[in-house]
Amino acid sequence: MSLMRKHLVQLLPLSLLLGSVLCNALHATPLFPSNFAQQQSSSQSAPAETGDQAQAAAPSEKLSLGDQVIQDVLEPLRAGMVTQNIQMVLSIFDKKELNGYSDLQGQLRAFFHQASEVRFRYQLLQATSDADRGSATAEMEMDALPYEVTTTPVRRSVQMRFQLKLEPKGWKVTGFSPSDFFAVGFNPAETQ
């Protein structure tokens, strides 16, 4: 078992590099394909890392702030939305500092209760930090296909701003706007 773990640890930096290349390739493609219903998600087949594997796989070189925000916040957010995993989405938020954490949990439950399939895309526009606090701005786009065939699919597109805090396990979100992006009754006209 430890021999297998040793080989896995040796291969993880390569997989992180390939993941970064794939992420950059995804950002270079159009955000919404013309045939949304036929698009397949590659993230659903990706295995999740355990905490030990993630710590052992930490590359020796320091990631840029943008890469850290993608790794700690945006990718888990995207993966959680696509797989409709509430716990994964909530894991990016600082439960103690985020106002309305329980409201967010309820919004996600209600949203996923109505959506049979979710497509989520982002493009990091800016990330800045000062010591253990930071901020990021990302273009977010989400499509959700409802369970009810008579209901119109949901499409959301906003420029989201995150307030961040650096914790021992990485960056966590302490605030974001628009704060109702995940609500069932989200109205983009109210955010402008």
C-alpha atoms as a PDB file:
ATOM      1  CA  MET A   1       0.000   0.000   0.000  1.00  0.00           C
ATOM      2  CA  SER A   2       2.774   2.487   0.862  1.00  0.00           C
ATOM      3  CA  LEU A   3       4.537   1.680  -2.438  1.00  0.00           C
ATOM      4  CA  MET A   4       1.318   2.563  -4.284  1.00  0.00           C
ATOM      5  CA  ARG A   5       1.029   5.802  -2.280  1.00  0.00           C
ATOM      6  CA  LYS A   6       4.660   6.653  -3.122  1.00  0.00           C
ATOM      7  CA  HIS A   7       3.982   6.262  -6.860  1.00  0.00           C
ATOM      8  CA  LEU A   8       0.757   8.235  -6.532  1.00  0.00           C
ATOM      9  CA  VAL A   9       2.613  11.085  -4.810  1.00  0.00           C
ATOM     10  CA  GLN A  10       5.178  11.079  -7.624  1.00  0.00           C
ATOM     11  CA  LEU A  11       2.440  11.301 -10.274  1.00  0.00           C
ATOM     12  CA  LEU A  12       0.322  13.984  -8.582  1.00  0.00           C
ATOM     13  CA  PRO A  13       2.535  16.990  -9.537  1.00  0.00           C
ATOM     14  CA  LEU A  14       2.207  15.886 -13.171  1.00  0.00           C
ATOM     15  CA  SER A  15      -1.568  15.601 -12.785  1.00  0.00           C
ATOM     16  CA  LEU A  16      -1.687  19.097 -11.254  1.00  0.00           C
ATOM     17  CA  LEU A  17       0.256  20.453 -14.225  1.00  0.00           C
ATOM     18  CA  LEU A  18      -2.079  18.684 -16.668  1.00  0.00           C
ATOM     19  CA  GLY A  19      -5.091  19.999 -14.722  1.00  0.00           C
ATOM     20  CA  SER A  20      -3.718  23.531 -14.987  1.00  0.00           C
ATOM     21  CA  VAL A  21      -3.199  23.140 -18.739  1.00  0.00           C
ATOM     22  CA  LEU A  22      -6.727  21.767 -19.106  1.00  0.00           C
ATOM     23  CA  CYS A  23      -8.133  24.617 -17.015  1.00  0.00           C
ATOM     24  CA  ASN A  24      -6.334  27.170 -19.207  1.00  0.00           C
ATOM     25  CA  ALA A  25      -7.633  25.429 -22.328  1.00  0.00           C
ATOM     26  CA  LEU A  26     -11.182  25.584 -20.953  1.00  0.00           C
ATOM     27  CA  HIS A  27     -10.827  29.308 -20.310  1.00  0.00           C
ATOM     28  CA  ALA A  28      -9.757  29.831 -23.933  1.00  0.00           C
ATOM     29  CA  THR A  29     -12.901  28.177 -25.313  1.00  0.00           C
ATOM     30  CA  PRO A  30     -16.261  29.907 -25.688  1.00  0.00           C
ATOM     31  CA  LEU A  31     -18.143  29.996 -22.407  1.00  0.00           C
ATOM     32  CA  PHE A  32     -21.346  28.504 -23.777  1.00  0.00           C
ATOM     33  CA  PRO A  33     -21.407  25.982 -26.583  1.00  0.00           C
ATOM     34  CA  SER A  34     -24.174  26.358 -29.115  1.00  0.00           C
ATOM     35  CA  ASN A  35     -25.671  22.994 -28.153  1.00  0.00           C
ATOM     36  CA  PHE A  36     -25.836  23.141 -24.342  1.00  0.00           C
ATOM     37  CA  ALA A  37     -27.851  19.961 -23.810  1.00  0.00           C
ATOM     38  CA  GLN A  38     -25.342  17.726 -25.594  1.00  0.00           C
ATOM     39  CA  GLN A  39     -22.209  19.028 -23.838  1.00  0.00           C
ATOM     40  CA  GLN A  40     -20.605  16.472 -21.519  1.00  0.00           C
ATOM     41  CA  SER A  41     -18.852  17.317 -18.272  1.00  0.00           C
ATOM     42  CA  SER A  42     -15.378  15.909 -17.780  1.00  0.00           C
ATOM     43  CA  SER A  43     -15.319  16.876 -14.112  1.00  0.00           C
ATOM     44  CA  GLN A  44     -17.805  14.198 -13.050  1.00  0.00           C
ATOM     45  CA  SER A  45     -15.303  11.425 -13.726  1.00  0.00           C
ATOM     46  CA  ALA A  46     -12.398  13.055 -11.882  1.00  0.00           C
ATOM     47  CA  PRO A  47     -11.630  11.376  -8.543  1.00  0.00           C
ATOM     48  CA  ALA A  48     -11.528  13.553  -5.442  1.00  0.00           C
ATOM     49  CA  GLU A  49      -8.299  13.859  -3.494  1.00  0.00           C
ATOM     50  CA  THR A  50      -8.176  13.100   0.202  1.00  0.00           C
ATOM     51  CA  GLY A  51      -6.590  15.598   2.567  1.00  0.00           C
ATOM     52  CA  ASP A  52      -3.402  13.500   2.878  1.00  0.00           C
ATOM     53  CA  GLN A  53      -3.031  13.224  -0.888  1.00  0.00           C
ATOM     54  CA  ALA A  54      -3.547  16.961  -1.379  1.00  0.00           C
ATOM     55  CA  GLN A  55      -0.887  17.795   1.218  1.00  0.00           C
ATOM     56  CA  ALA A  56       1.565  15.241  -0.206  1.00  0.00           C
ATOM     57  CA  ALA A  57       0.944  16.538  -3.720  1.00  0.00           C
ATOM     58  CA  ALA A  58       1.763  20.163  -2.945  1.00  0.00           C
ATOM     59  CA  PRO A  59       4.285  21.228  -5.566  1.00  0.00           C
ATOM     60  CA  SER A  60       7.621  22.514  -4.355  1.00  0.00           C
ATOM     61  CA  GLU A  61       7.208  25.739  -6.335  1.00  0.00           C
ATOM     62  CA  LYS A  62       4.895  28.449  -5.047  1.00  0.00           C
ATOM     63  CA  LEU A  63       1.691  28.977  -7.002  1.00  0.00           C
ATOM     64  CA  SER A  64       0.726  32.468  -8.116  1.00  0.00           C
ATOM     65  CA  LEU A  65      -2.151  34.128  -6.281  1.00  0.00           C
ATOM     66  CA  GLY A  66      -4.421  33.580  -9.295  1.00  0.00           C
ATOM     67  CA  ASP A  67      -3.553  29.866  -9.391  1.00  0.00           C
ATOM     68  CA  GLN A  68      -4.193  29.588  -5.645  1.00  0.00           C
ATOM     69  CA  VAL A  69      -7.615  31.228  -6.000  1.00  0.00           C
ATOM     70  CA  ILE A  70      -8.470  28.887  -8.879  1.00  0.00           C
ATOM     71  CA  GLN A  71      -7.302  25.824  -6.920  1.00  0.00           C
ATOM     72  CA  ASP A  72      -8.823  26.772  -3.543  1.00  0.00           C
ATOM     73  CA  VAL A  73     -12.027  28.574  -4.565  1.00  0.00           C
ATOM     74  CA  LEU A  74     -13.073  28.564  -8.210  1.00  0.00           C
ATOM     75  CA  GLU A  75     -12.408  24.941  -9.182  1.00  0.00           C
ATOM     76  CA  PRO A  76     -14.103  23.465  -6.073  1.00  0.00           C
ATOM     77  CA  LEU A  77     -17.011  25.858  -6.686  1.00  0.00           C
ATOM     78  CA  ARG A  78     -17.310  24.749 -10.324  1.00  0.00           C
ATOM     79  CA  ALA A  79     -16.989  21.055  -9.483  1.00  0.00           C
ATOM     80  CA  GLY A  80     -19.518  21.343  -6.657  1.00  0.00           C
ATOM     81  CA  MET A  81     -22.046  23.117  -8.849  1.00  0.00           C
ATOM     82  CA  VAL A  82     -21.680  20.676 -11.747  1.00  0.00           C
ATOM     83  CA  THR A  83     -21.965  17.608  -9.499  1.00  0.00           C
ATOM     84  CA  GLN A  84     -24.600  19.343  -7.336  1.00  0.00           C
ATOM     85  CA  ASN A  85     -22.534  18.611  -4.225  1.00  0.00           C
ATOM     86  CA  ILE A  86     -23.622  21.159  -1.619  1.00  0.00           C
ATOM     87  CA  GLN A  87     -20.841  20.239   0.810  1.00  0.00           C
ATOM     88  CA  MET A  88     -18.175  20.822  -1.859  1.00  0.00           C
ATOM     89  CA  VAL A  89     -19.617  24.234  -2.704  1.00  0.00           C
ATOM     90  CA  LEU A  90     -19.890  25.202   0.970  1.00  0.00           C
ATOM     91  CA  SER A  91     -16.303  24.053   1.631  1.00  0.00           C
ATOM     92  CA  ILE A  92     -14.928  27.153  -0.115  1.00  0.00           C
ATOM     93  CA  PHE A  93     -16.691  29.504   2.312  1.00  0.00           C
ATOM     94  CA  ASP A  94     -15.550  30.528   5.790  1.00  0.00           C
ATOM     95  CA  LYS A  95     -18.510  29.439   7.893  1.00  0.00           C
ATOM     96  CA  LYS A  96     -17.634  31.805  10.762  1.00  0.00           C
ATOM     97  CA  GLU A  97     -17.103  34.984   8.726  1.00  0.00           C
ATOM     98  CA  LEU A  98     -19.584  34.654   5.860  1.00  0.00           C
ATOM     99  CA  ASN A  99     -22.785  36.516   6.673  1.00  0.00           C
ATOM    100  CA  GLY A 100     -25.770  34.433   5.633  1.00  0.00           C
ATOM    101  CA  TYR A 101     -23.942  31.087   5.507  1.00  0.00           C
ATOM    102  CA  SER A 102     -27.123  29.183   6.452  1.00  0.00           C
ATOM    103  CA  ASP A 103     -29.104  31.196   3.876  1.00  0.00           C
ATOM    104  CA  LEU A 104     -26.574  30.169   1.228  1.00  0.00           C
ATOM    105  CA  GLN A 105     -26.986  26.547   2.242  1.00  0.00           C
ATOM    106  CA  GLY A 106     -30.765  26.852   1.813  1.00  0.00           C
ATOM    107  CA  GLN A 107     -30.388  28.641  -1.541  1.00  0.00           C
ATOM    108  CA  LEU A 108     -28.185  25.834  -2.864  1.00  0.00           C
ATOM    109  CA  ARG A 109     -30.596  23.127  -1.692  1.00  0.00           C
ATOM    110  CA  ALA A 110     -33.546  24.868  -3.356  1.00  0.00           C
ATOM    111  CA  PHE A 111     -31.584  25.507  -6.550  1.00  0.00           C
ATOM    112  CA  PHE A 112     -30.362  21.899  -6.860  1.00  0.00           C
ATOM    113  CA  HIS A 113     -33.872  20.644  -6.076  1.00  0.00           C
ATOM    114  CA  GLN A 114     -35.056  22.326  -9.283  1.00  0.00           C
ATOM    115  CA  ALA A 115     -32.048  21.643 -11.556  1.00  0.00           C
ATOM    116  CA  SER A 116     -31.451  18.291 -13.195  1.00  0.00           C
ATOM    117  CA  GLU A 117     -28.156  19.399 -14.767  1.00  0.00           C
ATOM    118  CA  VAL A 118     -25.862  22.360 -14.096  1.00  0.00           C
ATOM    119  CA  ARG A 119     -23.090  23.785 -16.266  1.00  0.00           C
ATOM    120  CA  PHE A 120     -20.807  26.273 -14.557  1.00  0.00           C
ATOM    121  CA  ARG A 121     -17.949  28.295 -16.013  1.00  0.00           C
ATOM    122  CA  TYR A 122     -15.674  30.987 -14.724  1.00  0.00           C
ATOM    123  CA  GLN A 123     -12.855  33.186 -15.860  1.00  0.00           C
ATOM    124  CA  LEU A 124     -10.645  34.764 -13.215  1.00  0.00           C
ATOM    125  CA  LEU A 125     -10.231  38.432 -14.085  1.00  0.00           C
ATOM    126  CA  GLN A 126      -8.246  39.734 -11.121  1.00  0.00           C
ATOM    127  CA  ALA A 127      -6.852  38.562  -7.779  1.00  0.00           C
ATOM    128  CA  THR A 128      -5.089  40.721  -5.194  1.00  0.00           C
ATOM    129  CA  SER A 129      -3.911  40.104  -1.640  1.00  0.00           C
ATOM    130  CA  ASP A 130      -2.483  41.946   1.317  1.00  0.00           C
ATOM    131  CA  ALA A 131      -1.044  39.550   3.935  1.00  0.00           C
ATOM    132  CA  ASP A 132      -3.806  37.065   4.819  1.00  0.00           C
ATOM    133  CA  ARG A 133      -6.699  38.945   3.160  1.00  0.00           C
ATOM    134  CA  GLY A 134      -7.474  39.200  -0.516  1.00  0.00           C
ATOM    135  CA  SER A 135     -10.068  39.765  -3.184  1.00  0.00           C
ATOM    136  CA  ALA A 136     -10.830  38.294  -6.559  1.00  0.00           C
ATOM    137  CA  THR A 137     -13.101  39.133  -9.446  1.00  0.00           C
ATOM    138  CA  ALA A 138     -14.323  36.463 -11.827  1.00  0.00           C
ATOM    139  CA  GLU A 139     -16.760  36.264 -14.699  1.00  0.00           C
ATOM    140  CA  MET A 140     -19.272  33.537 -13.747  1.00  0.00           C
ATOM    141  CA  GLU A 141     -21.715  31.839 -16.075  1.00  0.00           C
ATOM    142  CA  MET A 142     -24.151  29.109 -15.180  1.00  0.00           C
ATOM    143  CA  ASP A 143     -26.766  27.163 -17.095  1.00  0.00           C
ATOM    144  CA  ALA A 144     -29.239  24.915 -15.314  1.00  0.00           C
ATOM    145  CA  LEU A 145     -31.644  22.524 -16.959  1.00  0.00           C
ATOM    146  CA  PRO A 146     -34.790  22.040 -14.874  1.00  0.00           C
ATOM    147  CA  TYR A 147     -36.393  18.695 -14.026  1.00  0.00           C
ATOM    148  CA  GLU A 148     -39.696  20.014 -15.339  1.00  0.00           C
ATOM    149  CA  VAL A 149     -39.702  20.029 -19.150  1.00  0.00           C
ATOM    150  CA  THR A 150     -42.245  22.853 -19.151  1.00  0.00           C
ATOM    151  CA  THR A 151     -39.906  25.104 -17.138  1.00  0.00           C
ATOM    152  CA  THR A 152     -37.457  27.387 -18.924  1.00  0.00           C
ATOM    153  CA  PRO A 153     -33.745  26.596 -18.472  1.00  0.00           C
ATOM    154  CA  VAL A 154     -31.889  29.027 -16.215  1.00  0.00           C
ATOM    155  CA  ARG A 155     -28.967  31.068 -17.535  1.00  0.00           C
ATOM    156  CA  ARG A 156     -26.977  33.356 -15.268  1.00  0.00           C
ATOM    157  CA  SER A 157     -23.997  35.510 -16.092  1.00  0.00           C
ATOM    158  CA  VAL A 158     -22.380  37.952 -13.673  1.00  0.00           C
ATOM    159  CA  GLN A 159     -19.105  39.446 -12.669  1.00  0.00           C
ATOM    160  CA  MET A 160     -18.668  38.121  -9.134  1.00  0.00           C
ATOM    161  CA  ARG A 161     -16.477  39.726  -6.499  1.00  0.00           C
ATOM    162  CA  PHE A 162     -15.037  37.630  -3.683  1.00  0.00           C
ATOM    163  CA  GLN A 163     -13.546  38.711  -0.365  1.00  0.00           C
ATOM    164  CA  LEU A 164     -10.963  36.132   0.705  1.00  0.00           C
ATOM    165  CA  LYS A 165      -9.088  35.068   3.812  1.00  0.00           C
ATOM    166  CA  LEU A 166      -5.934  32.929   3.791  1.00  0.00           C
ATOM    167  CA  GLU A 167      -6.240  29.977   6.157  1.00  0.00           C
ATOM    168  CA  PRO A 168      -3.808  27.093   6.806  1.00  0.00           C
ATOM    169  CA  LYS A 169      -5.553  24.957   4.144  1.00  0.00           C
ATOM    170  CA  GLY A 170      -5.791  27.749   1.556  1.00  0.00           C
ATOM    171  CA  TRP A 171      -8.043  30.665   0.617  1.00  0.00           C
ATOM    172  CA  LYS A 172     -11.627  30.782   1.891  1.00  0.00           C
ATOM    173  CA  VAL A 173     -14.443  33.110   0.835  1.00  0.00           C
ATOM    174  CA  THR A 174     -15.643  35.477   3.561  1.00  0.00           C
ATOM    175  CA  GLY A 175     -18.015  37.424   1.326  1.00  0.00           C
ATOM    176  CA  PHE A 176     -19.193  37.622  -2.278  1.00  0.00           C
ATOM    177  CA  SER A 177     -21.476  39.692  -4.451  1.00  0.00           C
ATOM    178  CA  PRO A 178     -23.987  39.340  -5.880  1.00  0.00           C
ATOM    179  CA  SER A 179     -24.901  37.351  -2.774  1.00  0.00           C
ATOM    180  CA  ASP A 180     -28.132  36.020  -4.297  1.00  0.00           C
ATOM    181  CA  PHE A 181     -26.441  34.420  -7.345  1.00  0.00           C
ATOM    182  CA  PHE A 182     -27.362  30.913  -6.139  1.00  0.00           C
ATOM    183  CA  ALA A 183     -30.934  31.820  -5.130  1.00  0.00           C
ATOM    184  CA  VAL A 184     -33.816  30.367  -7.123  1.00  0.00           C
ATOM    185  CA  GLY A 185     -35.261  33.872  -7.670  1.00  0.00           C
ATOM    186  CA  PHE A 186     -31.983  35.516  -8.751  1.00  0.00           C
ATOM    187  CA  ASN A 187     -32.555  38.661 -10.827  1.00  0.00           C
ATOM    188  CA  PRO A 188     -29.423  39.899 -12.654  1.00  0.00           C
ATOM    189  CA  ALA A 189     -31.034  43.299 -13.262  1.00  0.00           C
ATOM    190  CA  GLU A 190     -30.917  43.956  -9.501  1.00  0.00           C
ATOM    191  CA  THR A 191     -27.120  43.407  -9.358  1.00  0.00           C
ATOM    192  CA  GLN A 192     -26.213  46.182 -11.768  1.00  0.00           C
END
